[in-house]
Protein backbone atom coordinates (compact mmCIF):
# COMPACT_ATOMS: atom_id res chain seq x y z
CA MET A 1 47.20 70.66 44.22
CA ASN A 2 44.36 72.26 46.26
CA ASN A 3 41.96 69.52 45.20
CA LEU A 4 44.39 66.90 46.53
CA LEU A 5 44.61 68.61 49.90
CA TRP A 6 41.04 69.77 50.35
CA GLY A 7 39.01 67.54 48.11
CA SER A 8 36.50 69.38 46.01
CA SER A 9 36.51 73.16 46.08
CA ASN A 10 32.80 73.47 46.79
CA MET A 11 33.30 75.27 50.08
CA GLU A 12 30.76 78.01 50.36
CA ASN A 13 29.71 80.37 53.08
CA PRO A 14 26.55 79.50 54.98
CA ARG A 15 23.57 81.47 53.59
CA ILE A 16 23.29 83.66 56.68
CA ILE A 17 26.96 84.68 56.48
CA ASP A 18 26.58 85.43 52.76
CA ALA A 19 23.37 87.43 53.41
CA LEU A 20 24.92 89.44 56.28
CA PHE A 21 28.21 90.31 54.67
CA ASN A 22 27.71 90.14 50.91
CA LYS A 23 24.05 91.10 50.20
CA THR A 24 22.26 94.35 50.79
CA LYS A 25 19.28 92.57 52.42
CA PHE A 26 20.69 93.26 55.89
CA SER A 27 22.16 96.68 55.18
CA TRP A 28 19.59 98.16 57.55
CA LEU A 29 21.19 96.23 60.41
CA TRP A 30 24.65 97.58 59.56
CA LEU A 31 23.12 101.05 59.38
CA VAL A 32 21.86 100.75 62.97
CA ILE A 33 25.22 99.40 64.20
CA ARG A 34 27.15 102.07 62.24
CA ILE A 35 25.10 104.92 63.67
CA TYR A 36 25.35 103.53 67.19
CA VAL A 37 29.14 103.15 67.05
CA GLY A 38 29.56 106.42 65.22
CA PHE A 39 27.50 108.27 67.85
CA GLN A 40 29.68 106.76 70.57
CA TRP A 41 32.78 108.14 68.87
CA LEU A 42 31.22 111.54 68.20
CA SER A 43 30.06 111.93 71.76
CA ALA A 44 33.44 110.89 73.08
CA SER A 45 35.13 113.50 70.89
CA ILE A 46 32.90 116.52 71.46
CA HIS A 47 34.16 117.36 74.97
CA LYS A 48 37.75 116.68 73.94
CA LEU A 49 37.61 118.98 70.94
CA SER A 50 36.44 121.85 73.12
CA SER A 51 38.79 121.14 76.05
CA PRO A 52 42.15 122.90 76.32
CA GLU A 53 43.40 119.90 78.36
CA TRP A 54 43.09 117.84 75.19
CA MET A 55 43.57 120.33 72.39
CA GLN A 56 46.29 122.60 73.77
CA THR A 57 48.26 121.16 76.65
CA GLY A 58 47.41 117.45 76.44
CA GLU A 59 47.21 117.35 80.24
CA ALA A 60 44.10 115.11 80.20
CA LEU A 61 45.94 112.47 78.16
CA LYS A 62 49.08 112.90 80.28
CA SER A 63 47.05 112.20 83.43
CA PHE A 64 45.49 109.09 81.84
CA TRP A 65 48.88 107.78 80.71
CA LEU A 66 50.48 108.44 84.12
CA ASN A 67 47.69 106.44 85.82
CA ALA A 68 48.10 103.68 83.22
CA VAL A 69 51.82 103.22 83.64
CA ALA A 70 51.77 103.37 87.40
CA ILE A 71 52.62 100.08 89.11
CA PRO A 72 50.59 99.76 92.34
CA ALA A 73 52.14 98.48 95.57
CA GLY A 74 51.17 95.17 97.03
CA LEU A 75 49.02 92.65 95.33
CA ALA A 76 47.08 95.12 93.16
CA LYS A 77 47.52 94.60 89.42
CA PRO A 78 48.72 97.44 87.13
CA ALA A 79 46.31 98.93 84.65
CA ILE A 80 48.56 97.88 81.71
CA TYR A 81 48.96 94.10 81.59
CA TYR A 82 51.69 93.98 78.88
CA PRO A 83 55.12 95.35 79.81
CA TRP A 84 55.91 96.28 76.19
CA PHE A 85 52.84 98.51 76.04
CA ARG A 86 53.74 100.15 79.37
CA THR A 87 57.22 100.83 77.94
CA PHE A 88 55.63 102.31 74.81
CA ILE A 89 53.31 104.63 76.81
CA GLN A 90 56.23 105.59 79.09
CA MET A 91 58.29 106.51 76.02
CA LEU A 92 55.42 108.71 74.82
CA LEU A 93 55.25 110.33 78.22
CA ASP A 94 59.00 110.95 78.34
CA ASN A 95 58.85 112.64 74.92
CA ASN A 96 55.88 114.83 75.88
CA SER A 97 53.92 113.26 73.06
CA TYR A 98 50.66 113.78 74.89
CA VAL A 99 50.62 117.36 73.64
CA TRP A 100 50.13 116.32 70.01
CA PHE A 101 48.64 112.87 70.72
CA GLY A 102 45.68 114.41 72.58
CA LYS A 103 44.80 116.38 69.47
CA LEU A 104 45.16 113.27 67.32
CA ILE A 105 42.82 111.22 69.58
CA ALA A 106 40.17 113.94 69.70
CA LEU A 107 40.22 114.50 65.97
CA GLY A 108 40.43 110.79 65.24
CA GLU A 109 37.44 110.07 67.41
CA PHE A 110 35.50 112.78 65.63
CA LEU A 111 36.40 111.64 62.14
CA VAL A 112 35.72 107.97 62.85
CA GLY A 113 32.33 108.86 64.32
CA LEU A 114 31.43 111.16 61.43
CA ALA A 115 32.56 108.64 58.75
CA LEU A 116 30.54 105.82 60.38
CA ILE A 117 27.37 107.91 60.70
CA LEU A 118 27.65 109.14 57.10
CA GLY A 119 28.56 105.65 55.85
CA PHE A 120 31.75 106.90 54.18
CA LEU A 121 34.68 104.47 53.91
CA VAL A 122 33.06 102.32 56.57
CA GLY A 123 35.76 99.65 56.52
CA VAL A 124 38.56 102.20 56.97
CA ALA A 125 36.67 104.07 59.74
CA ALA A 126 35.90 100.80 61.53
CA PHE A 127 39.56 99.77 61.32
CA PHE A 128 40.80 103.02 62.89
CA GLY A 129 38.00 102.95 65.48
CA GLY A 130 38.99 99.39 66.37
CA LEU A 131 42.66 100.41 66.59
CA MET A 132 41.81 103.22 68.99
CA ASN A 133 39.62 100.90 71.07
CA LEU A 134 42.37 98.28 71.16
CA SER A 135 44.84 100.95 72.35
CA PHE A 136 42.44 102.10 75.05
CA LEU A 137 41.94 98.49 76.18
CA LEU A 138 45.70 97.83 76.26
CA ALA A 139 46.07 100.90 78.44
CA GLY A 140 43.62 99.44 80.94
CA SER A 141 40.50 101.41 80.06
CA LEU A 142 37.55 99.08 79.91
CA SER A 143 34.20 100.99 79.72
CA SER A 144 32.39 100.25 76.43
CA GLY A 145 35.61 99.29 74.61
CA PRO A 146 35.05 95.53 74.25
CA VAL A 147 31.53 95.89 72.83
CA LEU A 148 32.63 98.68 70.46
CA LEU A 149 35.64 96.67 69.33
CA VAL A 150 33.50 93.66 68.41
CA LEU A 151 31.03 95.86 66.57
CA GLU A 152 33.88 97.56 64.70
CA MET A 153 35.34 94.20 63.71
CA LEU A 154 31.92 93.18 62.32
CA LEU A 155 31.66 96.46 60.43
CA LEU A 156 35.14 95.88 59.06
CA VAL A 157 34.11 92.47 57.74
CA ALA A 158 30.80 93.88 56.42
CA TRP A 159 32.37 96.85 54.68
CA LYS A 160 30.76 96.00 51.31
CA THR A 161 27.22 96.24 52.64
CA ALA A 162 27.62 98.32 55.83
CA GLY A 163 27.83 101.54 53.80
CA TYR A 164 24.96 100.75 51.42
CA TYR A 165 22.70 103.20 53.18
CA GLY A 166 25.37 105.86 53.20
CA LEU A 167 27.95 107.60 51.06
CA ASP A 168 29.86 104.36 50.29
CA ARG A 169 27.07 103.30 47.93
CA TYR A 170 27.76 106.28 45.71
CA PHE A 171 31.50 106.57 46.34
CA PHE A 172 32.34 102.95 45.37
CA ASN A 173 29.95 103.12 42.41
CA PHE A 174 31.63 106.25 41.11
CA ILE A 175 35.30 105.73 42.22
CA GLY A 176 35.34 101.98 42.68
CA ALA A 177 37.87 99.88 44.55
CA PRO A 178 41.50 99.13 43.60
CA TRP A 179 40.52 95.81 42.10
CA LYS A 180 37.41 97.11 40.29
CA PRO A 181 37.45 100.70 38.95
CA GLY A 182 34.27 102.67 39.21
CA ARG A 183 32.47 104.67 36.50
CA TRP A 184 34.85 107.63 36.80
CA PHE A 185 37.93 105.48 35.99
CA GLN A 186 36.13 103.51 33.32
CA LYS A 187 35.42 106.77 31.44
CA LYS A 188 39.08 107.82 31.72
CA LEU A 189 40.33 104.44 30.49
CA ALA A 190 37.98 104.42 27.49
């Protein structure tokens, strides 16, 4: 059936795409991107982890959310473009969720940064880093978010080679992936 719809099935990736995302030849590039993005997350988390406004009361996050949900008078545009996201943030504010959410953000930023720098579960770390960046962007915080989001999406696609110069090289060799067990599971199955 596929051959009737698409003709022959000789569709292949261009060589550059194959080299970037499937071969270890450009793993050095992913190492540079990983360390850059990871350092951005680590540096963002350090002051939060040592700040009572983030780790105890959540007042820093509460202040950010209050500014984000505010609807300015006149022709000025609100920080949050989508009403559903404003409703979501307002619900979090109404439930005092900033107390525990501040801790979650600070710890999440630290873990994503550490995982990317160490090259451990790069695809998972890039996904959660991208999710945090998307949330910050939806709340109206621009800063370096767009660039980091694009880099995290690229790391997510390049997960197979992005951790080659890192712990993923050993982790996936030993543990494997759900569709291809590593050496540890092969020994147990034998």
